[in-house]
Amino acid sequence: MTDTDEIEAAVFRRLLEHLDTHKDVQNIELMNLAGFCRNCLSKWYLAAAQDAGRELDYDQARERVYGMPYEQWKEKYQTPATAEQLGAFGEK
């Protein structure tokens, strides 16, 4: 692993830690503000694993990003999207 790889891996771990400490920030808010969310990160993680020849499925990738099974995270932390959030999302 190169120095760049190590730095990028550390940044990714820090991003996951940051998202984990801000579970109140909903995916729709991330999508509206930044154009990506935890599910996007999961898809990118899965694609990178597949590119590296690693066996991984989407649920496993989401568990890595969410820090727990997605359905559990959703039940504990996801709130219904507001009309304003849905409207902003629809405008994109």
PDB file of N, CA and C in Angstrom:
ATOM      1  N   MET A   1       0.841  -1.172   0.000  1.00  0.00           N
ATOM      2  CA  MET A   1       0.000   0.000   0.000  1.00  0.00           C
ATOM      3  C   MET A   1       0.892   1.243   0.000  1.00  0.00           C
ATOM      4  N   THR A   2       0.532   2.197  -0.833  1.00  0.00           N
ATOM      5  CA  THR A   2       1.305   3.438  -0.922  1.00  0.00           C
ATOM      6  C   THR A   2       0.893   4.404   0.182  1.00  0.00           C
ATOM      7  N   ASP A   3       1.701   5.425   0.370  1.00  0.00           N
ATOM      8  CA  ASP A   3       1.345   6.462   1.348  1.00  0.00           C
ATOM      9  C   ASP A   3      -0.015   7.081   1.022  1.00  0.00           C
ATOM     10  N   THR A   4      -0.255   7.311  -0.265  1.00  0.00           N
ATOM     11  CA  THR A   4      -1.535   7.881  -0.686  1.00  0.00           C
ATOM     12  C   THR A   4      -2.682   6.954  -0.314  1.00  0.00           C
ATOM     13  N   ASP A   5      -2.516   5.651  -0.556  1.00  0.00           N
ATOM     14  CA  ASP A   5      -3.563   4.684  -0.197  1.00  0.00           C
ATOM     15  C   ASP A   5      -3.844   4.703   1.300  1.00  0.00           C
ATOM     16  N   GLU A   6      -2.785   4.766   2.091  1.00  0.00           N
ATOM     17  CA  GLU A   6      -2.951   4.784   3.546  1.00  0.00           C
ATOM     18  C   GLU A   6      -3.687   6.041   4.001  1.00  0.00           C
ATOM     19  N   ILE A   7      -3.353   7.163   3.400  1.00  0.00           N
ATOM     20  CA  ILE A   7      -4.013   8.425   3.744  1.00  0.00           C
ATOM     21  C   ILE A   7      -5.478   8.379   3.336  1.00  0.00           C
ATOM     22  N   GLU A   8      -5.745   7.923   2.123  1.00  0.00           N
ATOM     23  CA  GLU A   8      -7.130   7.845   1.658  1.00  0.00           C
ATOM     24  C   GLU A   8      -7.952   6.879   2.503  1.00  0.00           C
ATOM     25  N   ALA A   9      -7.354   5.760   2.903  1.00  0.00           N
ATOM     26  CA  ALA A   9      -8.047   4.812   3.774  1.00  0.00           C
ATOM     27  C   ALA A   9      -8.362   5.451   5.124  1.00  0.00           C
ATOM     28  N   ALA A  10      -7.424   6.207   5.664  1.00  0.00           N
ATOM     29  CA  ALA A  10      -7.642   6.886   6.939  1.00  0.00           C
ATOM     30  C   ALA A  10      -8.752   7.931   6.810  1.00  0.00           C
ATOM     31  N   VAL A  11      -8.780   8.640   5.704  1.00  0.00           N
ATOM     32  CA  VAL A  11      -9.815   9.650   5.475  1.00  0.00           C
ATOM     33  C   VAL A  11     -11.181   8.972   5.371  1.00  0.00           C
ATOM     34  N   PHE A  12     -11.255   7.855   4.682  1.00  0.00           N
ATOM     35  CA  PHE A  12     -12.517   7.126   4.562  1.00  0.00           C
ATOM     36  C   PHE A  12     -12.999   6.662   5.939  1.00  0.00           C
ATOM     37  N   ARG A  13     -12.085   6.115   6.735  1.00  0.00           N
ATOM     38  CA  ARG A  13     -12.465   5.689   8.084  1.00  0.00           C
ATOM     39  C   ARG A  13     -12.959   6.871   8.907  1.00  0.00           C
ATOM     40  N   ARG A  14     -12.325   8.011   8.756  1.00  0.00           N
ATOM     41  CA  ARG A  14     -12.737   9.222   9.481  1.00  0.00           C
ATOM     42  C   ARG A  14     -14.107   9.697   9.007  1.00  0.00           C
ATOM     43  N   LEU A  15     -14.364   9.622   7.715  1.00  0.00           N
ATOM     44  CA  LEU A  15     -15.678   9.984   7.187  1.00  0.00           C
ATOM     45  C   LEU A  15     -16.751   9.075   7.780  1.00  0.00           C
ATOM     46  N   LEU A  16     -16.505   7.776   7.808  1.00  0.00           N
ATOM     47  CA  LEU A  16     -17.475   6.855   8.390  1.00  0.00           C
ATOM     48  C   LEU A  16     -17.701   7.163   9.871  1.00  0.00           C
ATOM     49  N   GLU A  17     -16.634   7.459  10.585  1.00  0.00           N
ATOM     50  CA  GLU A  17     -16.738   7.812  11.999  1.00  0.00           C
ATOM     51  C   GLU A  17     -17.564   9.085  12.173  1.00  0.00           C
ATOM     52  N   HIS A  18     -17.314  10.050  11.316  1.00  0.00           N
ATOM     53  CA  HIS A  18     -18.048  11.316  11.373  1.00  0.00           C
ATOM     54  C   HIS A  18     -19.542  11.074  11.122  1.00  0.00           C
ATOM     55  N   LEU A  19     -19.865  10.305  10.098  1.00  0.00           N
ATOM     56  CA  LEU A  19     -21.264   9.999   9.813  1.00  0.00           C
ATOM     57  C   LEU A  19     -21.897   9.234  10.967  1.00  0.00           C
ATOM     58  N   ASP A  20     -21.116   8.352  11.580  1.00  0.00           N
ATOM     59  CA  ASP A  20     -21.630   7.558  12.689  1.00  0.00           C
ATOM     60  C   ASP A  20     -21.957   8.439  13.893  1.00  0.00           C
ATOM     61  N   THR A  21     -21.188   9.477  14.101  1.00  0.00           N
ATOM     62  CA  THR A  21     -21.461  10.368  15.233  1.00  0.00           C
ATOM     63  C   THR A  21     -22.579  11.367  14.923  1.00  0.00           C
ATOM     64  N   HIS A  22     -22.991  11.412  13.672  1.00  0.00           N
ATOM     65  CA  HIS A  22     -24.068  12.327  13.258  1.00  0.00           C
ATOM     66  C   HIS A  22     -25.208  11.541  12.616  1.00  0.00           C
ATOM     67  N   LYS A  23     -25.694  10.559  13.353  1.00  0.00           N
ATOM     68  CA  LYS A  23     -26.789   9.733  12.835  1.00  0.00           C
ATOM     69  C   LYS A  23     -28.060  10.548  12.609  1.00  0.00           C
ATOM     70  N   ASP A  24     -28.149  11.702  13.269  1.00  0.00           N
ATOM     71  CA  ASP A  24     -29.311  12.572  13.094  1.00  0.00           C
ATOM     72  C   ASP A  24     -29.367  13.172  11.688  1.00  0.00           C
ATOM     73  N   VAL A  25     -28.252  13.193  10.999  1.00  0.00           N
ATOM     74  CA  VAL A  25     -28.237  13.707   9.630  1.00  0.00           C
ATOM     75  C   VAL A  25     -28.782  12.611   8.720  1.00  0.00           C
ATOM     76  N   GLN A  26     -29.903  12.894   8.121  1.00  0.00           N
ATOM     77  CA  GLN A  26     -30.586  11.908   7.296  1.00  0.00           C
ATOM     78  C   GLN A  26     -29.975  11.843   5.894  1.00  0.00           C
ATOM     79  N   ASN A  27     -30.126  10.684   5.262  1.00  0.00           N
ATOM     80  CA  ASN A  27     -29.582  10.501   3.918  1.00  0.00           C
ATOM     81  C   ASN A  27     -30.150  11.513   2.925  1.00  0.00           C
ATOM     82  N   ILE A  28     -31.430  11.815   3.036  1.00  0.00           N
ATOM     83  CA  ILE A  28     -32.027  12.771   2.094  1.00  0.00           C
ATOM     84  C   ILE A  28     -31.392  14.155   2.266  1.00  0.00           C
ATOM     85  N   GLU A  29     -31.008  14.501   3.500  1.00  0.00           N
ATOM     86  CA  GLU A  29     -30.326  15.771   3.724  1.00  0.00           C
ATOM     87  C   GLU A  29     -28.947  15.760   3.065  1.00  0.00           C
ATOM     88  N   LEU A  30     -28.243  14.633   3.211  1.00  0.00           N
ATOM     89  CA  LEU A  30     -26.937  14.510   2.551  1.00  0.00           C
ATOM     90  C   LEU A  30     -27.087  14.616   1.036  1.00  0.00           C
ATOM     91  N   MET A  31     -28.092  13.940   0.490  1.00  0.00           N
ATOM     92  CA  MET A  31     -28.310  13.995  -0.963  1.00  0.00           C
ATOM     93  C   MET A  31     -28.621  15.417  -1.413  1.00  0.00           C
ATOM     94  N   ASN A  32     -29.475  16.092  -0.670  1.00  0.00           N
ATOM     95  CA  ASN A  32     -29.861  17.461  -1.045  1.00  0.00           C
ATOM     96  C   ASN A  32     -28.693  18.439  -0.950  1.00  0.00           C
ATOM     97  N   LEU A  33     -27.839  18.255   0.036  1.00  0.00           N
ATOM     98  CA  LEU A  33     -26.735  19.190   0.239  1.00  0.00           C
ATOM     99  C   LEU A  33     -25.467  18.815  -0.528  1.00  0.00           C
ATOM    100  N   ALA A  34     -25.166  17.518  -0.577  1.00  0.00           N
ATOM    101  CA  ALA A  34     -23.866  17.102  -1.120  1.00  0.00           C
ATOM    102  C   ALA A  34     -23.955  16.214  -2.357  1.00  0.00           C
ATOM    103  N   GLY A  35     -25.142  15.740  -2.678  1.00  0.00           N
ATOM    104  CA  GLY A  35     -25.292  14.898  -3.868  1.00  0.00           C
ATOM    105  C   GLY A  35     -24.866  13.456  -3.665  1.00  0.00           C
ATOM    106  N   PHE A  36     -24.662  13.055  -2.411  1.00  0.00           N
ATOM    107  CA  PHE A  36     -24.373  11.653  -2.095  1.00  0.00           C
ATOM    108  C   PHE A  36     -24.844  11.384  -0.676  1.00  0.00           C
ATOM    109  N   CYS A  37     -24.995  10.092  -0.361  1.00  0.00           N
ATOM    110  CA  CYS A  37     -25.438   9.711   0.979  1.00  0.00           C
ATOM    111  C   CYS A  37     -24.744   8.416   1.396  1.00  0.00           C
ATOM    112  N   ARG A  38     -25.151   7.888   2.513  1.00  0.00           N
ATOM    113  CA  ARG A  38     -24.562   6.651   3.015  1.00  0.00           C
ATOM    114  C   ARG A  38     -24.766   5.507   2.031  1.00  0.00           C
ATOM    115  N   ASN A  39     -25.927   5.469   1.369  1.00  0.00           N
ATOM    116  CA  ASN A  39     -26.169   4.413   0.389  1.00  0.00           C
ATOM    117  C   ASN A  39     -25.231   4.550  -0.811  1.00  0.00           C
ATOM    118  N   CYS A  40     -24.960   5.771  -1.219  1.00  0.00           N
ATOM    119  CA  CYS A  40     -23.990   5.994  -2.302  1.00  0.00           C
ATOM    120  C   CYS A  40     -22.613   5.474  -1.891  1.00  0.00           C
ATOM    121  N   LEU A  41     -22.198   5.801  -0.666  1.00  0.00           N
ATOM    122  CA  LEU A  41     -20.909   5.313  -0.172  1.00  0.00           C
ATOM    123  C   LEU A  41     -20.879   3.787  -0.177  1.00  0.00           C
ATOM    124  N   SER A  42     -21.998   3.175   0.194  1.00  0.00           N
ATOM    125  CA  SER A  42     -22.075   1.712   0.190  1.00  0.00           C
ATOM    126  C   SER A  42     -21.889   1.158  -1.219  1.00  0.00           C
ATOM    127  N   LYS A  43     -22.509   1.791  -2.182  1.00  0.00           N
ATOM    128  CA  LYS A  43     -22.375   1.344  -3.579  1.00  0.00           C
ATOM    129  C   LYS A  43     -20.944   1.533  -4.072  1.00  0.00           C
ATOM    130  N   TRP A  44     -20.315   2.634  -3.705  1.00  0.00           N
ATOM    131  CA  TRP A  44     -18.918   2.869  -4.102  1.00  0.00           C
ATOM    132  C   TRP A  44     -18.005   1.852  -3.432  1.00  0.00           C
ATOM    133  N   TYR A  45     -18.284   1.545  -2.173  1.00  0.00           N
ATOM    134  CA  TYR A  45     -17.489   0.557  -1.431  1.00  0.00           C
ATOM    135  C   TYR A  45     -17.620  -0.807  -2.100  1.00  0.00           C
ATOM    136  N   LEU A  46     -18.839  -1.184  -2.463  1.00  0.00           N
ATOM    137  CA  LEU A  46     -19.075  -2.458  -3.141  1.00  0.00           C
ATOM    138  C   LEU A  46     -18.341  -2.504  -4.480  1.00  0.00           C
ATOM    139  N   ALA A  47     -18.428  -1.444  -5.256  1.00  0.00           N
ATOM    140  CA  ALA A  47     -17.753  -1.401  -6.562  1.00  0.00           C
ATOM    141  C   ALA A  47     -16.242  -1.529  -6.402  1.00  0.00           C
ATOM    142  N   ALA A  48     -15.675  -0.840  -5.409  1.00  0.00           N
ATOM    143  CA  ALA A  48     -14.235  -0.926  -5.175  1.00  0.00           C
ATOM    144  C   ALA A  48     -13.831  -2.333  -4.752  1.00  0.00           C
ATOM    145  N   ALA A  49     -14.643  -2.965  -3.925  1.00  0.00           N
ATOM    146  CA  ALA A  49     -14.358  -4.338  -3.503  1.00  0.00           C
ATOM    147  C   ALA A  49     -14.397  -5.278  -4.701  1.00  0.00           C
ATOM    148  N   GLN A  50     -15.390  -5.115  -5.542  1.00  0.00           N
ATOM    149  CA  GLN A  50     -15.493  -5.965  -6.736  1.00  0.00           C
ATOM    150  C   GLN A  50     -14.326  -5.710  -7.678  1.00  0.00           C
ATOM    151  N   ASP A  51     -13.929  -4.457  -7.846  1.00  0.00           N
ATOM    152  CA  ASP A  51     -12.770  -4.136  -8.685  1.00  0.00           C
ATOM    153  C   ASP A  51     -11.499  -4.795  -8.156  1.00  0.00           C
ATOM    154  N   ALA A  52     -11.433  -4.954  -6.836  1.00  0.00           N
ATOM    155  CA  ALA A  52     -10.270  -5.585  -6.211  1.00  0.00           C
ATOM    156  C   ALA A  52     -10.398  -7.105  -6.161  1.00  0.00           C
ATOM    157  N   GLY A  53     -11.490  -7.634  -6.731  1.00  0.00           N
ATOM    158  CA  GLY A  53     -11.693  -9.085  -6.765  1.00  0.00           C
ATOM    159  C   GLY A  53     -12.154  -9.667  -5.441  1.00  0.00           C
ATOM    160  N   ARG A  54     -12.749  -8.838  -4.589  1.00  0.00           N
ATOM    161  CA  ARG A  54     -13.220  -9.289  -3.280  1.00  0.00           C
ATOM    162  C   ARG A  54     -14.684  -9.702  -3.340  1.00  0.00           C
ATOM    163  N   GLU A  55     -15.011 -10.748  -2.611  1.00  0.00           N
ATOM    164  CA  GLU A  55     -16.392 -11.208  -2.492  1.00  0.00           C
ATOM    165  C   GLU A  55     -17.109 -10.312  -1.484  1.00  0.00           C
ATOM    166  N   LEU A  56     -18.131  -9.627  -1.919  1.00  0.00           N
ATOM    167  CA  LEU A  56     -18.889  -8.744  -1.047  1.00  0.00           C
ATOM    168  C   LEU A  56     -20.233  -8.509  -1.697  1.00  0.00           C
ATOM    169  N   ASP A  57     -21.291  -8.408  -0.898  1.00  0.00           N
ATOM    170  CA  ASP A  57     -22.584  -8.050  -1.469  1.00  0.00           C
ATOM    171  C   ASP A  57     -23.012  -6.684  -0.917  1.00  0.00           C
ATOM    172  N   TYR A  58     -24.093  -6.163  -1.459  1.00  0.00           N
ATOM    173  CA  TYR A  58     -24.536  -4.814  -1.110  1.00  0.00           C
ATOM    174  C   TYR A  58     -24.874  -4.696   0.372  1.00  0.00           C
ATOM    175  N   ASP A  59     -25.515  -5.711   0.936  1.00  0.00           N
ATOM    176  CA  ASP A  59     -25.846  -5.664   2.356  1.00  0.00           C
ATOM    177  C   ASP A  59     -24.591  -5.592   3.220  1.00  0.00           C
ATOM    178  N   GLN A  60     -23.565  -6.320   2.853  1.00  0.00           N
ATOM    179  CA  GLN A  60     -22.300  -6.267   3.598  1.00  0.00           C
ATOM    180  C   GLN A  60     -21.650  -4.892   3.463  1.00  0.00           C
ATOM    181  N   ALA A  61     -21.706  -4.317   2.273  1.00  0.00           N
ATOM    182  CA  ALA A  61     -21.145  -2.980   2.063  1.00  0.00           C
ATOM    183  C   ALA A  61     -21.912  -1.954   2.899  1.00  0.00           C
ATOM    184  N   ARG A  62     -23.230  -2.062   2.920  1.00  0.00           N
ATOM    185  CA  ARG A  62     -24.021  -1.122   3.720  1.00  0.00           C
ATOM    186  C   ARG A  62     -23.724  -1.286   5.211  1.00  0.00           C
ATOM    187  N   GLU A  63     -23.537  -2.519   5.649  1.00  0.00           N
ATOM    188  CA  GLU A  63     -23.217  -2.727   7.061  1.00  0.00           C
ATOM    189  C   GLU A  63     -21.884  -2.072   7.416  1.00  0.00           C
ATOM    190  N   ARG A  64     -20.939  -2.101   6.495  1.00  0.00           N
ATOM    191  CA  ARG A  64     -19.642  -1.439   6.730  1.00  0.00           C
ATOM    192  C   ARG A  64     -19.826   0.073   6.877  1.00  0.00           C
ATOM    193  N   VAL A  65     -20.637   0.646   6.009  1.00  0.00           N
ATOM    194  CA  VAL A  65     -20.842   2.099   6.027  1.00  0.00           C
ATOM    195  C   VAL A  65     -21.721   2.530   7.198  1.00  0.00           C
ATOM    196  N   TYR A  66     -22.792   1.796   7.458  1.00  0.00           N
ATOM    197  CA  TYR A  66     -23.727   2.160   8.518  1.00  0.00           C
ATOM    198  C   TYR A  66     -23.263   1.714   9.906  1.00  0.00           C
ATOM    199  N   GLY A  67     -22.326   0.766   9.959  1.00  0.00           N
ATOM    200  CA  GLY A  67     -21.843   0.278  11.247  1.00  0.00           C
ATOM    201  C   GLY A  67     -22.759  -0.741  11.890  1.00  0.00           C
ATOM    202  N   MET A  68     -23.779  -1.152  11.175  1.00  0.00           N
ATOM    203  CA  MET A  68     -24.754  -2.147  11.638  1.00  0.00           C
ATOM    204  C   MET A  68     -25.597  -2.540  10.422  1.00  0.00           C
ATOM    205  N   PRO A  69     -26.366  -3.610  10.511  1.00  0.00           N
ATOM    206  CA  PRO A  69     -27.247  -3.926   9.384  1.00  0.00           C
ATOM    207  C   PRO A  69     -28.150  -2.736   9.048  1.00  0.00           C
ATOM    208  N   TYR A  70     -28.343  -2.508   7.772  1.00  0.00           N
ATOM    209  CA  TYR A  70     -29.093  -1.343   7.310  1.00  0.00           C
ATOM    210  C   TYR A  70     -30.490  -1.281   7.916  1.00  0.00           C
ATOM    211  N   GLU A  71     -31.206  -2.398   7.948  1.00  0.00           N
ATOM    212  CA  GLU A  71     -32.568  -2.397   8.485  1.00  0.00           C
ATOM    213  C   GLU A  71     -32.574  -1.971   9.947  1.00  0.00           C
ATOM    214  N   GLN A  72     -31.573  -2.359  10.704  1.00  0.00           N
ATOM    215  CA  GLN A  72     -31.456  -1.958  12.106  1.00  0.00           C
ATOM    216  C   GLN A  72     -31.210  -0.447  12.200  1.00  0.00           C
ATOM    217  N   TRP A  73     -30.297   0.072  11.371  1.00  0.00           N
ATOM    218  CA  TRP A  73     -30.016   1.509  11.373  1.00  0.00           C
ATOM    219  C   TRP A  73     -31.279   2.290  11.019  1.00  0.00           C
ATOM    220  N   LYS A  74     -31.957   1.814   9.979  1.00  0.00           N
ATOM    221  CA  LYS A  74     -33.160   2.487   9.511  1.00  0.00           C
ATOM    222  C   LYS A  74     -34.219   2.552  10.623  1.00  0.00           C
ATOM    223  N   GLU A  75     -34.407   1.452  11.314  1.00  0.00           N
ATOM    224  CA  GLU A  75     -35.389   1.396  12.394  1.00  0.00           C
ATOM    225  C   GLU A  75     -35.026   2.330  13.552  1.00  0.00           C
ATOM    226  N   LYS A  76     -33.742   2.399  13.866  1.00  0.00           N
ATOM    227  CA  LYS A  76     -33.298   3.202  15.008  1.00  0.00           C
ATOM    228  C   LYS A  76     -33.159   4.689  14.701  1.00  0.00           C
ATOM    229  N   TYR A  77     -32.702   5.027  13.495  1.00  0.00           N
ATOM    230  CA  TYR A  77     -32.269   6.404  13.241  1.00  0.00           C
ATOM    231  C   TYR A  77     -32.966   7.124  12.101  1.00  0.00           C
ATOM    232  N   GLN A  78     -33.563   6.426  11.170  1.00  0.00           N
ATOM    233  CA  GLN A  78     -34.160   7.116  10.033  1.00  0.00           C
ATOM    234  C   GLN A  78     -35.504   7.695  10.409  1.00  0.00           C
ATOM    235  N   THR A  79     -35.695   8.938  10.056  1.00  0.00           N
ATOM    236  CA  THR A  79     -36.971   9.606  10.286  1.00  0.00           C
ATOM    237  C   THR A  79     -37.644   9.843   8.935  1.00  0.00           C
ATOM    238  N   PRO A  80     -38.951  10.002   8.949  1.00  0.00           N
ATOM    239  CA  PRO A  80     -39.632  10.283   7.677  1.00  0.00           C
ATOM    240  C   PRO A  80     -39.137  11.600   7.080  1.00  0.00           C
ATOM    241  N   ALA A  81     -38.989  11.604   5.786  1.00  0.00           N
ATOM    242  CA  ALA A  81     -38.582  12.830   5.096  1.00  0.00           C
ATOM    243  C   ALA A  81     -39.717  13.847   5.155  1.00  0.00           C
ATOM    244  N   THR A  82     -39.339  15.096   5.323  1.00  0.00           N
ATOM    245  CA  THR A  82     -40.339  16.161   5.335  1.00  0.00           C
ATOM    246  C   THR A  82     -40.725  16.510   3.896  1.00  0.00           C
ATOM    247  N   ALA A  83     -41.841  17.205   3.763  1.00  0.00           N
ATOM    248  CA  ALA A  83     -42.275  17.657   2.441  1.00  0.00           C
ATOM    249  C   ALA A  83     -41.221  18.554   1.808  1.00  0.00           C
ATOM    250  N   GLU A  84     -40.577  19.383   2.637  1.00  0.00           N
ATOM    251  CA  GLU A  84     -39.533  20.287   2.136  1.00  0.00           C
ATOM    252  C   GLU A  84     -38.332  19.473   1.614  1.00  0.00           C
ATOM    253  N   GLN A  85     -37.924  18.465   2.365  1.00  0.00           N
ATOM    254  CA  GLN A  85     -36.794  17.621   1.934  1.00  0.00           C
ATOM    255  C   GLN A  85     -37.122  16.897   0.634  1.00  0.00           C
ATOM    256  N   LEU A  86     -38.319  16.332   0.559  1.00  0.00           N
ATOM    257  CA  LEU A  86     -38.729  15.623  -0.656  1.00  0.00           C
ATOM    258  C   LEU A  86     -38.811  16.568  -1.845  1.00  0.00           C
ATOM    259  N   GLY A  87     -39.296  17.787  -1.600  1.00  0.00           N
ATOM    260  CA  GLY A  87     -39.370  18.783  -2.668  1.00  0.00           C
ATOM    261  C   GLY A  87     -37.989  19.148  -3.175  1.00  0.00           C
ATOM    262  N   ALA A  88     -37.064  19.365  -2.269  1.00  0.00           N
ATOM    263  CA  ALA A  88     -35.685  19.693  -2.672  1.00  0.00           C
ATOM    264  C   ALA A  88     -35.052  18.527  -3.412  1.00  0.00           C
ATOM    265  N   PHE A  89     -35.320  17.320  -2.972  1.00  0.00           N
ATOM    266  CA  PHE A  89     -34.769  16.142  -3.628  1.00  0.00           C
ATOM    267  C   PHE A  89     -35.333  15.991  -5.039  1.00  0.00           C
ATOM    268  N   GLY A  90     -36.614  16.269  -5.191  1.00  0.00           N
ATOM    269  CA  GLY A  90     -37.273  16.167  -6.487  1.00  0.00           C
ATOM    270  C   GLY A  90     -36.785  17.195  -7.492  1.00  0.00           C
ATOM    271  N   GLU A  91     -36.250  18.293  -7.001  1.00  0.00           N
ATOM    272  CA  GLU A  91     -35.750  19.357  -7.876  1.00  0.00           C
ATOM    273  C   GLU A  91     -34.416  19.006  -8.513  1.00  0.00           C
ATOM    274  N   LYS A  92     -33.744  18.016  -7.981  1.00  0.00           N
ATOM    275  CA  LYS A  92     -32.410  17.661  -8.467  1.00  0.00           C
ATOM    276  C   LYS A  92     -32.476  16.834  -9.713  1.00  0.00           C
TER     277      LYS A  92
END
